[in-house]
């Protein structure tokens, strides 16, 4: 008997793009996130510019970007595992409070005149730790705040929030730096976390009554890595991400020095350069749906990557400030087109049960590219000059985009990864200890002799699914006495792990299984049997009593 599933209901009509803002809790979350994102961009502008005052070394300036992104490399995967297994509201409250305290300390040191290059890097790193721990949880919170039919609009509004903050934050940051000093910029960033803290304090998340006990931390970590290893669409996202970010980060890492040294400008120049990047990003949000309707995701990423490389070459050669503002609009649009396509591909290529861990792995790879690229191109700029670093990275970006174009991000019609719940609950003679194991599952098939090769080819995809969802071994075997009679078997560590596998099967997995079942020529459906290792708990208890 198949479990009932709310996802089998007919889809709701497509809602307005602003529909999620009619949901009070989402509206509060969106406004709080907008304020926090603006504060983050203000802090980024202030940190990069203050370092140019404290040190003229391109390496030290690029270390600001590296210090902000390195925690994502070190802690994002841990954060993803925690996101999927702990109370998300309390977890986010802790991360937001941590970042508010770090930002307040940064503001105090700047106001007291005690901020030096290493204090700046240490506190930037501390803020990065908070961001790395919070980002996976923030990215998967939208499904808890809006109905299912409003999820696409909620994701789009999240992107709009980030791009609006990209436009507003740098301009405010540059103004505060030039009029009041770095302490004011850092203080406003500290204040920007208050809205999110208040929102989370009053938000009451709804528990999933049907969920199984959460995985233990290291078990959850292994499950996330296993899924990413077995899911080829998600692997393609990671490869395309590192190929793009490793080269293109040079522009952001060196932009404070471009504004100060190449353009002989001040903090307002730096802020305006970033503001025009934000304008381009907002423009891209408007035109991106039309482009996606006409161009595949793979071609869009390739074209936008090359366009962005051209803007880096312009940054290396053009010295007219007004012209560069126009270049930055194009750069912002191309940047967001690539990242938006990659983020959407990452979101739709994994199911909900592992999304926090998968997105944390995406963030980790992205941040590794940021960190390594910042250090690499900062070193090149220190030894060969900023124009050489920008031109070299632009050439590398084009070559990398062409080299990885074969790793497909998938079409616009994403597979349905919602839970299918079509596996019947296994029948057992009595209650089973959930920790008992290992578990062996067998499935018996009868196949026409002429179809054996096609059947075995189809089974390989099913084997990948079994291993991806937790099986530590899998195989399919033919009866030597009855050709065409096959037994598929797979094993899992415990009965609880097998029950989790039942919850993880998606509608796309169901489609694959239906294809395989068409090969079966038996009178009934393929027979499924479950075997479990270890002694029943009652027997174990009696043995211990007898021994005593």
Protein backbone atom coordinates (compact mmCIF):
# COMPACT_ATOMS: atom_id res chain seq x y z
CA UNK A 1 0.00 0.00 0.00
CA UNK A 2 1.45 3.34 -1.02
CA UNK A 3 1.58 6.12 1.55
CA UNK A 4 -0.63 9.14 0.85
CA UNK A 5 1.28 12.08 -0.52
CA UNK A 6 0.19 15.68 -0.64
CA UNK A 7 2.38 16.16 -3.70
CA UNK A 8 -0.02 14.08 -5.77
CA UNK A 9 -2.53 16.91 -5.74
CA UNK A 10 -2.96 18.89 -8.90
CA UNK A 11 -0.60 21.86 -9.06
CA UNK A 12 -1.92 25.24 -8.05
CA UNK A 13 -2.17 27.99 -10.64
CA UNK A 14 0.99 30.02 -11.11
CA UNK A 15 0.99 32.87 -8.61
CA UNK A 16 2.21 36.44 -8.95
CA UNK A 17 5.96 37.07 -8.77
CA UNK A 18 5.25 39.09 -5.60
CA UNK A 19 2.94 36.45 -4.12
CA UNK A 20 5.31 35.25 -1.36
CA UNK A 21 5.40 38.77 0.09
CA UNK A 22 1.73 38.33 0.96
CA UNK A 23 2.82 35.64 3.45
CA UNK A 24 3.65 37.64 6.63
CA UNK A 25 6.48 35.40 7.84
CA UNK A 26 8.17 35.34 4.44
CA UNK A 27 7.78 39.11 4.09
CA UNK A 28 9.49 39.60 7.47
CA UNK A 29 12.24 37.17 6.50
CA UNK A 30 12.77 38.86 3.11
CA UNK A 31 13.00 42.36 4.60
CA UNK A 32 15.35 41.17 7.35
CA UNK A 33 17.55 39.40 4.78
CA UNK A 34 17.61 42.54 2.61
CA UNK A 35 18.80 44.65 5.53
CA UNK A 36 21.42 42.09 6.51
CA UNK A 37 22.68 41.77 2.92
CA UNK A 38 22.99 45.56 2.62
CA UNK A 39 25.04 45.57 5.81
CA UNK A 40 27.27 42.81 4.44
CA UNK A 41 28.02 44.79 1.27
CA UNK A 42 28.71 47.92 3.33
CA UNK A 43 31.15 45.91 5.43
CA UNK A 44 32.82 44.46 2.33
CA UNK A 45 33.40 47.90 0.81
CA UNK A 46 34.71 49.27 4.10
CA UNK A 47 37.05 46.32 4.76
CA UNK A 48 38.55 46.37 1.28
CA UNK A 49 39.11 50.12 1.35
CA UNK A 50 40.48 50.24 4.90
CA UNK A 51 43.08 47.63 3.94
CA UNK A 52 44.32 49.91 1.14
CA UNK A 53 44.93 52.52 3.86
CA UNK A 54 46.69 50.04 6.11
CA UNK A 55 48.78 48.37 3.37
CA UNK A 56 49.58 49.09 -0.27
CA UNK A 57 50.43 45.44 -0.98
CA UNK A 58 48.08 43.76 -3.49
CA UNK A 59 48.55 40.53 -1.54
CA UNK A 60 47.26 42.10 1.70
CA UNK A 61 44.32 43.69 -0.12
CA UNK A 62 43.41 40.39 -1.76
CA UNK A 63 43.72 38.67 1.64
CA UNK A 64 40.59 40.54 2.75
CA UNK A 65 38.59 38.62 0.14
CA UNK A 66 40.42 35.43 1.05
CA UNK A 67 39.71 35.89 4.78
CA UNK A 68 36.00 36.34 4.04
CA UNK A 69 35.76 33.27 1.78
CA UNK A 70 38.14 30.80 3.47
CA UNK A 71 35.67 29.98 6.30
CA UNK A 72 33.21 28.86 3.64
CA UNK A 73 35.79 26.31 2.50
CA UNK A 74 36.51 25.12 6.03
CA UNK A 75 33.05 25.09 7.60
CA UNK A 76 30.34 25.08 4.91
CA UNK A 77 30.08 21.29 4.74
CA UNK A 78 29.78 21.07 8.52
CA UNK A 79 27.11 23.78 8.37
CA UNK A 80 25.20 21.86 5.71
CA UNK A 81 25.09 18.72 7.84
CA UNK A 82 23.90 20.72 10.86
CA UNK A 83 21.28 22.45 8.71
CA UNK A 84 19.65 19.11 7.88
CA UNK A 85 19.69 17.64 11.41
CA UNK A 86 19.27 20.42 14.04
CA UNK A 87 16.58 22.94 14.94
CA UNK A 88 17.11 25.50 12.20
CA UNK A 89 15.60 28.47 14.05
CA UNK A 90 17.89 28.19 17.08
CA UNK A 91 20.86 27.45 14.87
CA UNK A 92 20.29 30.61 12.80
CA UNK A 93 19.78 32.71 15.94
CA UNK A 94 23.21 31.63 17.16
CA UNK A 95 24.93 32.44 13.84
CA UNK A 96 23.29 35.86 13.48
CA UNK A 97 24.20 36.80 17.06
CA UNK A 98 27.82 35.74 16.47
CA UNK A 99 28.10 37.95 13.37
CA UNK A 100 26.51 40.93 15.13
CA UNK A 101 29.08 40.67 17.94
CA UNK A 102 32.02 40.39 15.50
CA UNK A 103 30.79 43.40 13.53
CA UNK A 104 30.38 45.41 16.75
CA UNK A 105 33.97 44.61 17.80
CA UNK A 106 35.19 45.71 14.36
CA UNK A 107 33.30 49.00 14.70
CA UNK A 108 34.69 49.60 18.22
CA UNK A 109 38.30 49.04 17.12
CA UNK A 110 37.85 51.33 14.12
CA UNK A 111 36.31 54.08 16.29
CA UNK A 112 39.12 53.75 18.87
CA UNK A 113 41.82 53.91 16.20
CA UNK A 114 43.09 50.45 17.20
CA UNK A 115 42.30 48.65 13.95
CA UNK A 116 45.37 47.31 12.15
CA UNK A 117 45.74 45.00 9.12
CA UNK A 118 45.82 41.78 11.13
CA UNK A 119 42.89 42.73 13.38
CA UNK A 120 40.92 43.49 10.24
CA UNK A 121 41.78 40.11 8.70
CA UNK A 122 41.01 38.19 11.92
CA UNK A 123 37.61 39.83 12.38
CA UNK A 124 36.81 39.45 8.68
CA UNK A 125 37.61 35.76 9.08
CA UNK A 126 35.37 35.59 12.17
CA UNK A 127 32.50 37.20 10.26
CA UNK A 128 33.15 34.70 7.48
CA UNK A 129 32.79 31.84 9.97
CA UNK A 130 29.35 33.12 10.93
CA UNK A 131 28.35 33.54 7.29
CA UNK A 132 29.60 30.07 6.37
CA UNK A 133 27.61 28.48 9.19
CA UNK A 134 24.44 30.45 8.37
CA UNK A 135 24.32 30.41 4.56
CA UNK A 136 23.19 26.78 3.95
CA UNK A 137 20.42 27.14 6.54
CA UNK A 138 19.25 30.46 5.08
CA UNK A 139 19.22 28.98 1.57
CA UNK A 140 16.85 26.16 2.51
CA UNK A 141 14.53 28.10 4.83
CA UNK A 142 12.16 29.37 2.10
CA UNK A 143 10.31 26.00 1.79
CA UNK A 144 9.30 26.35 5.45
CA UNK A 145 7.92 29.85 4.96
CA UNK A 146 5.73 29.63 1.84
CA UNK A 147 3.33 27.11 0.28
CA UNK A 148 4.77 24.75 -2.33
CA UNK A 149 3.21 26.64 -5.28
CA UNK A 150 5.05 29.83 -4.25
CA UNK A 151 8.54 28.32 -4.01
CA UNK A 152 9.79 29.49 -7.45
CA UNK A 153 8.68 33.05 -6.72
CA UNK A 154 10.29 32.89 -3.26
CA UNK A 155 13.62 31.83 -4.78
CA UNK A 156 13.40 34.65 -7.34
CA UNK A 157 12.66 37.20 -4.61
CA UNK A 158 15.66 35.93 -2.66
CA UNK A 159 17.84 36.62 -5.70
CA UNK A 160 16.26 40.07 -6.04
CA UNK A 161 17.08 40.81 -2.38
CA UNK A 162 20.73 39.95 -2.93
CA UNK A 163 20.97 42.07 -6.07
CA UNK A 164 19.17 45.06 -4.54
CA UNK A 165 21.60 44.95 -1.64
CA UNK A 166 24.47 44.76 -4.14
CA UNK A 167 23.23 48.04 -5.64
CA UNK A 168 22.44 49.86 -2.39
CA UNK A 169 25.13 48.61 0.00
CA UNK A 170 28.30 49.72 -1.85
CA UNK A 171 26.94 53.24 -2.44
CA UNK A 172 26.06 53.61 1.24
CA UNK A 173 29.42 52.13 2.22
CA UNK A 174 31.36 54.55 0.04
CA UNK A 175 29.34 57.50 1.40
CA UNK A 176 29.89 56.49 5.03
CA UNK A 177 33.62 55.99 4.46
CA UNK A 178 34.09 59.39 2.83
CA UNK A 179 31.85 61.35 5.24
CA UNK A 180 32.24 59.65 8.62
CA UNK A 181 34.92 56.97 8.48
CA UNK A 182 35.13 53.19 8.65
CA UNK A 183 33.61 52.99 12.15
CA UNK A 184 30.25 54.18 10.82
CA UNK A 185 30.21 51.55 8.06
CA UNK A 186 31.14 48.75 10.45
CA UNK A 187 28.53 49.96 12.99
CA UNK A 188 25.75 49.91 10.41
CA UNK A 189 26.69 46.34 9.51
CA UNK A 190 26.37 45.34 13.19
CA UNK A 191 22.94 46.98 13.36
CA UNK A 192 21.83 45.21 10.15
CA UNK A 193 21.74 41.82 11.93
CA UNK A 194 19.11 42.96 14.44
CA UNK A 195 16.21 42.58 12.00
CA UNK A 196 17.05 38.94 11.26
CA UNK A 197 17.56 38.16 14.97
CA UNK A 198 14.14 39.63 15.85
CA UNK A 199 12.45 37.79 12.98
CA UNK A 200 13.98 34.44 13.98
CA UNK A 201 13.11 35.02 17.64
CA UNK A 202 9.40 35.24 16.84
CA UNK A 203 9.33 32.67 14.01
CA UNK A 204 7.90 29.30 15.03
CA UNK A 205 8.89 26.57 12.57
CA UNK A 206 6.53 23.66 12.05
CA UNK A 207 8.02 20.21 12.78
CA UNK A 208 7.64 17.44 10.21
CA UNK A 209 5.47 14.87 11.95
CA UNK A 210 6.33 12.18 9.39
CA UNK A 211 10.09 12.53 9.63
CA UNK A 212 12.36 9.84 11.05
CA UNK A 213 14.89 10.60 13.80
CA UNK A 214 17.65 12.87 12.49
CA UNK A 215 20.93 11.34 11.39
CA UNK A 216 23.95 11.65 13.60
CA UNK A 217 26.39 14.36 12.55
CA UNK A 218 29.09 12.24 10.89
CA UNK A 219 26.46 9.97 9.39
CA UNK A 220 24.76 13.01 7.86
CA UNK A 221 28.10 14.28 6.60
CA UNK A 222 28.87 10.97 4.87
CA UNK A 223 25.39 10.83 3.38
CA UNK A 224 25.80 14.29 1.85
CA UNK A 225 29.20 13.49 0.33
CA UNK A 226 27.92 10.16 -0.95
CA UNK A 227 24.97 11.81 -2.65
CA UNK A 228 27.15 14.46 -4.29
CA UNK A 229 29.56 11.79 -5.53
CA UNK A 230 26.77 9.69 -7.08
CA UNK A 231 24.62 12.52 -8.51
CA UNK A 232 26.19 13.43 -11.87
CA UNK A 233 24.05 16.59 -12.49
CA UNK A 234 25.22 18.04 -9.18
CA UNK A 235 28.85 17.12 -9.94
CA UNK A 236 28.54 19.10 -13.18
CA UNK A 237 27.43 22.16 -11.17
CA UNK A 238 30.51 21.91 -8.96
CA UNK A 239 32.89 21.58 -11.92
CA UNK A 240 31.37 24.52 -13.78
CA UNK A 241 31.45 26.61 -10.58
CA UNK A 242 35.14 26.14 -9.83
CA UNK A 243 36.06 26.71 -13.49
CA UNK A 244 34.26 30.07 -13.45
CA UNK A 245 35.10 31.49 -10.05
CA UNK A 246 38.81 30.62 -9.92
CA UNK A 247 39.58 33.12 -12.70
CA UNK A 248 36.81 35.71 -12.45
CA UNK A 249 37.38 36.56 -8.77
CA UNK A 250 40.44 38.64 -9.75
CA UNK A 251 38.25 41.65 -10.57
CA UNK A 252 36.57 41.69 -7.13
CA UNK A 253 39.78 40.99 -5.21
CA UNK A 254 41.71 43.79 -6.95
CA UNK A 255 38.88 46.32 -7.37
CA UNK A 256 39.88 48.48 -4.33
CA UNK A 257 43.36 48.89 -5.83
CA UNK A 258 41.91 49.60 -9.28
CA UNK A 259 39.82 52.42 -7.77
CA UNK A 260 42.69 53.86 -5.71
CA UNK A 261 45.77 53.32 -7.91
CA UNK A 262 44.58 52.93 -11.49
CA UNK A 263 41.75 55.50 -11.34
CA UNK A 264 43.29 57.71 -8.60
CA UNK A 265 39.91 57.73 -6.87
CA UNK A 266 38.64 57.61 -3.31
CA UNK A 267 36.19 55.40 -1.41
CA UNK A 268 33.29 56.96 -3.28
CA UNK A 269 34.82 55.79 -6.58
CA UNK A 270 35.13 52.26 -5.22
CA UNK A 271 31.57 52.36 -3.90
CA UNK A 272 30.19 53.63 -7.21
CA UNK A 273 32.01 50.90 -9.16
CA UNK A 274 30.29 48.30 -6.99
CA UNK A 275 26.98 50.15 -7.21
CA UNK A 276 27.01 49.92 -10.99
CA UNK A 277 27.79 46.22 -10.64
CA UNK A 278 24.62 45.99 -8.57
CA UNK A 279 22.64 47.90 -11.20
CA UNK A 280 23.77 45.39 -13.79
CA UNK A 281 22.78 42.57 -11.45
CA UNK A 282 19.26 43.95 -11.04
CA UNK A 283 18.95 44.42 -14.81
CA UNK A 284 19.98 40.79 -15.29
CA UNK A 285 17.17 39.64 -12.97
CA UNK A 286 14.69 41.37 -15.30
CA UNK A 287 16.08 40.03 -18.58
CA UNK A 288 17.24 36.60 -17.37
CA UNK A 289 13.82 34.86 -17.67
CA UNK A 290 13.57 35.95 -21.32
CA UNK A 291 17.07 34.71 -22.07
CA UNK A 292 16.40 31.40 -20.33
CA UNK A 293 13.33 30.91 -22.50
CA UNK A 294 15.49 31.18 -25.64
CA UNK A 295 18.91 29.86 -24.60
CA UNK A 296 19.79 26.66 -22.78
CA UNK A 297 21.35 26.95 -19.35
CA UNK A 298 24.66 25.55 -20.64
CA UNK A 299 24.92 28.05 -23.49
CA UNK A 300 23.87 30.94 -21.25
CA UNK A 301 26.65 30.17 -18.76
CA UNK A 302 29.22 29.86 -21.57
CA UNK A 303 28.21 33.16 -23.22
CA UNK A 304 27.94 35.09 -19.93
CA UNK A 305 31.35 33.75 -18.81
CA UNK A 306 32.98 35.04 -21.99
CA UNK A 307 31.21 38.42 -21.68
CA UNK A 308 32.46 38.71 -18.10
CA UNK A 309 36.00 37.91 -19.25
CA UNK A 310 35.76 40.79 -21.75
CA UNK A 311 34.80 43.17 -18.92
CA UNK A 312 37.89 42.06 -16.97
CA UNK A 313 40.02 42.90 -19.99
CA UNK A 314 38.35 46.33 -20.10
CA UNK A 315 39.17 46.86 -16.40
CA UNK A 316 42.81 46.14 -17.26
CA UNK A 317 43.01 48.62 -20.14
CA UNK A 318 40.37 51.37 -19.77
CA UNK A 319 41.14 54.32 -17.49
CA UNK A 320 38.10 56.52 -18.11
CA UNK A 321 35.96 56.37 -14.97
CA UNK A 322 32.62 56.99 -16.70
CA UNK A 323 33.34 54.26 -19.25
CA UNK A 324 34.23 51.81 -16.49
CA UNK A 325 30.90 52.46 -14.81
CA UNK A 326 29.24 51.15 -17.97
CA UNK A 327 31.64 48.20 -18.03
CA UNK A 328 30.69 47.35 -14.45
CA UNK A 329 26.99 47.26 -15.36
CA UNK A 330 27.79 44.61 -17.99
CA UNK A 331 30.06 42.79 -15.54
CA UNK A 332 27.33 42.70 -12.89
CA UNK A 333 24.76 41.37 -15.35
CA UNK A 334 27.08 38.64 -16.67
CA UNK A 335 28.20 37.68 -13.16
CA UNK A 336 24.63 37.21 -11.92
CA UNK A 337 23.58 35.32 -15.06
CA UNK A 338 26.30 32.76 -14.45
CA UNK A 339 25.81 32.45 -10.71
CA UNK A 340 22.03 32.42 -10.93
CA UNK A 341 22.16 29.61 -13.50
CA UNK A 342 24.59 27.63 -11.34
CA UNK A 343 22.54 28.16 -8.18
CA UNK A 344 19.29 27.12 -9.86
CA UNK A 345 21.01 24.03 -11.29
CA UNK A 346 22.33 23.18 -7.81
CA UNK A 347 18.89 23.62 -6.22
CA UNK A 348 16.97 21.48 -8.73
CA UNK A 349 19.56 18.70 -8.94
CA UNK A 350 19.11 17.50 -5.33
CA UNK A 351 16.06 16.49 -3.24
CA UNK A 352 14.98 18.26 -0.07
CA UNK A 353 16.39 15.69 2.40
CA UNK A 354 19.99 16.44 1.37
CA UNK A 355 19.63 19.98 0.02
CA UNK A 356 21.33 21.69 2.96
CA UNK A 357 24.39 19.45 2.64
CA UNK A 358 24.51 19.68 -1.14
CA UNK A 359 24.22 23.46 -1.17
CA UNK A 360 26.90 23.66 1.50
CA UNK A 361 29.20 21.65 -0.77
CA UNK A 362 28.40 24.06 -3.61
CA UNK A 363 29.19 26.98 -1.30
CA UNK A 364 32.43 25.29 -0.21
CA UNK A 365 33.60 24.77 -3.80
CA UNK A 366 32.58 28.32 -4.71
CA UNK A 367 34.45 29.71 -1.72
CA UNK A 368 37.52 27.58 -2.42
CA UNK A 369 37.63 29.20 -5.85
CA UNK A 370 37.24 32.64 -4.24
CA UNK A 371 40.05 32.00 -1.76
CA UNK A 372 42.55 30.40 -4.16
CA UNK A 373 41.73 32.86 -6.94
CA UNK A 374 42.11 35.88 -4.66
CA UNK A 375 45.50 34.69 -3.44
CA UNK A 376 46.67 33.70 -6.93
CA UNK A 377 45.73 36.92 -8.71
CA UNK A 378 46.83 39.08 -5.77
CA UNK A 379 50.27 37.43 -6.03
CA UNK A 380 50.35 37.95 -9.81
CA UNK A 381 49.36 41.62 -9.39
CA UNK A 382 52.09 42.12 -6.79
CA UNK A 383 54.77 40.74 -9.13
CA UNK A 384 53.56 41.72 -12.60
CA UNK A 385 51.03 44.51 -12.04
CA UNK A 386 47.24 44.74 -11.89
CA UNK A 387 46.66 44.90 -15.68
CA UNK A 388 48.64 41.70 -16.25
CA UNK A 389 46.70 39.90 -13.50
CA UNK A 390 43.36 40.98 -15.00
CA UNK A 391 44.31 40.07 -18.56
CA UNK A 392 45.71 36.71 -17.47
CA UNK A 393 42.59 35.86 -15.50
CA UNK A 394 40.36 36.98 -18.38
CA UNK A 395 42.17 34.62 -20.76
CA UNK A 396 41.95 31.81 -18.20
CA UNK A 397 38.21 32.41 -17.74
CA UNK A 398 37.57 32.00 -21.47
CA UNK A 399 39.67 28.83 -21.72
CA UNK A 400 38.04 27.31 -18.62
CA UNK A 401 34.52 28.10 -19.86
CA UNK A 402 35.23 26.35 -23.16
CA UNK A 403 36.97 23.41 -21.49
CA UNK A 404 34.06 22.52 -19.16
CA UNK A 405 31.18 23.20 -21.54
CA UNK A 406 30.60 19.44 -21.89
CA UNK A 407 29.46 19.16 -18.25
CA UNK A 408 25.77 19.81 -18.70
CA UNK A 409 23.78 21.74 -16.10
CA UNK A 410 20.56 20.16 -17.34
CA UNK A 411 17.61 21.50 -19.25
CA UNK A 412 14.97 23.90 -18.03
CA UNK A 413 12.65 20.96 -17.26
CA UNK A 414 14.19 19.68 -14.05
CA UNK A 415 13.49 16.11 -12.86
CA UNK A 416 10.85 15.81 -10.16
CA UNK A 417 12.81 15.18 -6.96
CA UNK A 418 9.86 15.43 -4.60
CA UNK A 419 9.32 12.34 -2.41
CA UNK A 420 7.26 9.66 -4.14
CA UNK A 421 6.41 7.55 -1.05
CA UNK A 422 5.48 4.78 -3.46
CA UNK A 423 7.39 2.04 -1.64
CA UNK A 424 5.05 0.12 0.69
CA UNK A 425 6.18 -0.12 4.29
CA UNK A 426 8.02 -3.46 4.74
CA UNK A 427 5.95 -6.12 6.50
CA UNK A 428 7.63 -7.63 9.55
CA UNK A 429 6.57 -10.36 11.96
CA UNK A 430 6.99 -7.97 14.87
CA UNK A 431 8.46 -4.67 15.93
CA UNK A 432 12.08 -4.32 14.85
CA UNK A 433 14.87 -2.57 16.66
CA UNK A 434 15.73 0.32 14.35
CA UNK A 435 19.43 0.02 15.13
CA UNK A 436 19.53 -3.67 14.17
CA UNK A 437 21.44 -4.54 11.04
CA UNK A 438 22.83 -4.86 8.51
CA UNK A 439 19.78 -5.13 6.24
CA UNK A 440 19.73 -7.12 3.00
CA UNK A 441 17.00 -6.40 0.43
CA UNK A 442 16.43 -8.65 -2.58
CA UNK A 443 14.24 -8.03 -5.63
CA UNK A 444 13.47 -10.92 -8.02
CA UNK A 445 12.91 -10.34 -11.76
CA UNK A 446 11.99 -12.58 -14.68
CA UNK A 447 13.35 -11.22 -17.97
CA UNK A 448 12.99 -12.39 -21.56
CA UNK A 449 16.32 -13.75 -22.81
CA UNK A 450 16.38 -11.28 -25.72
CA UNK A 451 15.99 -8.36 -23.26
CA UNK A 452 18.76 -9.28 -20.82
CA UNK A 453 21.33 -6.81 -22.11
CA UNK A 454 18.87 -3.87 -22.14
CA UNK A 455 17.68 -4.85 -18.65
CA UNK A 456 21.20 -4.90 -17.23
CA UNK A 457 21.98 -1.52 -18.80
CA UNK A 458 18.88 -0.03 -17.16
CA UNK A 459 19.79 -1.62 -13.83
CA UNK A 460 23.07 0.32 -13.68
CA UNK A 461 21.15 3.58 -13.21
CA UNK A 462 19.08 1.96 -10.48
CA UNK A 463 22.28 0.74 -8.80
CA UNK A 464 23.57 4.31 -8.72
CA UNK A 465 20.32 5.40 -7.05
CA UNK A 466 20.53 2.64 -4.43
CA UNK A 467 24.12 3.54 -3.51
CA UNK A 468 23.39 7.27 -3.61
CA UNK A 469 20.57 6.86 -1.07
CA UNK A 470 22.56 4.79 1.43
CA UNK A 471 23.29 1.25 0.21
CA UNK A 472 26.88 0.23 0.96
CA UNK A 473 26.75 -2.63 -1.56
CA UNK A 474 24.64 -3.44 -4.61
CA UNK A 475 24.59 -6.09 -7.30
CA UNK A 476 22.42 -7.99 -9.75
CA UNK A 477 22.84 -11.76 -10.41
CA UNK A 478 21.39 -14.29 -12.85
CA UNK A 479 20.25 -17.79 -11.83
CA UNK A 480 22.55 -20.22 -13.70
CA UNK A 481 19.81 -22.89 -13.62
CA UNK A 482 17.06 -20.58 -14.94
CA UNK A 483 18.47 -18.04 -17.44
CA UNK A 484 16.48 -14.81 -17.36
CA UNK A 485 15.80 -15.09 -13.62
CA UNK A 486 17.63 -12.26 -11.86
CA UNK A 487 18.03 -11.21 -8.25
CA UNK A 488 18.97 -7.65 -7.35
CA UNK A 489 20.37 -7.17 -3.86
CA UNK A 490 21.56 -4.23 -1.83
CA UNK A 491 22.61 -3.77 1.79
CA UNK A 492 22.33 -1.00 4.36
CA UNK A 493 23.81 -0.58 7.81
CA UNK A 494 20.61 -0.71 9.86
CA UNK A 495 16.85 -0.99 9.70
CA UNK A 496 16.58 2.75 10.37
CA UNK A 497 18.85 3.46 7.38
CA UNK A 498 16.56 1.35 5.21
CA UNK A 499 13.50 3.25 6.43
CA UNK A 500 15.30 6.46 5.55
CA UNK A 501 15.83 5.08 2.05
CA UNK A 502 12.06 4.64 1.76
CA UNK A 503 11.63 8.35 2.57
CA UNK A 504 14.34 9.40 0.10
CA UNK A 505 12.91 7.80 -3.05
CA UNK A 506 11.84 10.53 -5.48
CA UNK A 507 9.39 10.64 -8.35
CA UNK A 508 12.35 10.60 -10.74
CA UNK A 509 13.57 7.40 -9.05
CA UNK A 510 10.06 6.01 -9.40
CA UNK A 511 10.20 6.71 -13.15
CA UNK A 512 13.48 4.76 -13.42
CA UNK A 513 12.01 1.83 -11.47
CA UNK A 514 8.91 1.76 -13.69
CA UNK A 515 11.14 1.48 -16.78
CA UNK A 516 12.93 -1.51 -15.21
CA UNK A 517 9.68 -3.16 -14.12
CA UNK A 518 8.51 -3.15 -17.75
CA UNK A 519 11.19 -5.76 -18.44
CA UNK A 520 9.62 -8.11 -15.84
CA UNK A 521 7.43 -10.77 -17.45
CA UNK A 522 6.25 -12.56 -14.31
CA UNK A 523 2.58 -12.81 -13.41
CA UNK A 524 3.03 -10.57 -10.38
CA UNK A 525 5.24 -7.60 -9.63
CA UNK A 526 8.89 -8.30 -8.80
CA UNK A 527 9.09 -9.95 -5.40
CA UNK A 528 10.82 -7.92 -2.68
CA UNK A 529 12.25 -9.60 0.44
CA UNK A 530 13.94 -8.09 3.50
CA UNK A 531 16.52 -9.84 5.68
CA UNK A 532 18.15 -8.43 8.78
CA UNK A 533 21.34 -9.33 10.61
CA UNK A 534 21.95 -9.56 14.33
CA UNK A 535 19.77 -11.08 17.02
CA UNK A 536 16.41 -9.61 18.06
CA UNK A 537 16.68 -7.39 21.12
CA UNK A 538 14.49 -9.69 23.23
CA UNK A 539 16.76 -12.67 22.54
CA UNK A 540 19.83 -10.59 23.38
CA UNK A 541 18.29 -9.49 26.68
CA UNK A 542 17.41 -13.10 27.64
CA UNK A 543 20.93 -14.26 26.82
CA UNK A 544 22.38 -11.60 29.08
CA UNK A 545 20.02 -12.61 31.92
CA UNK A 546 21.00 -16.28 31.53
CA UNK A 547 24.70 -15.43 31.56
CA UNK A 548 24.29 -13.40 34.74
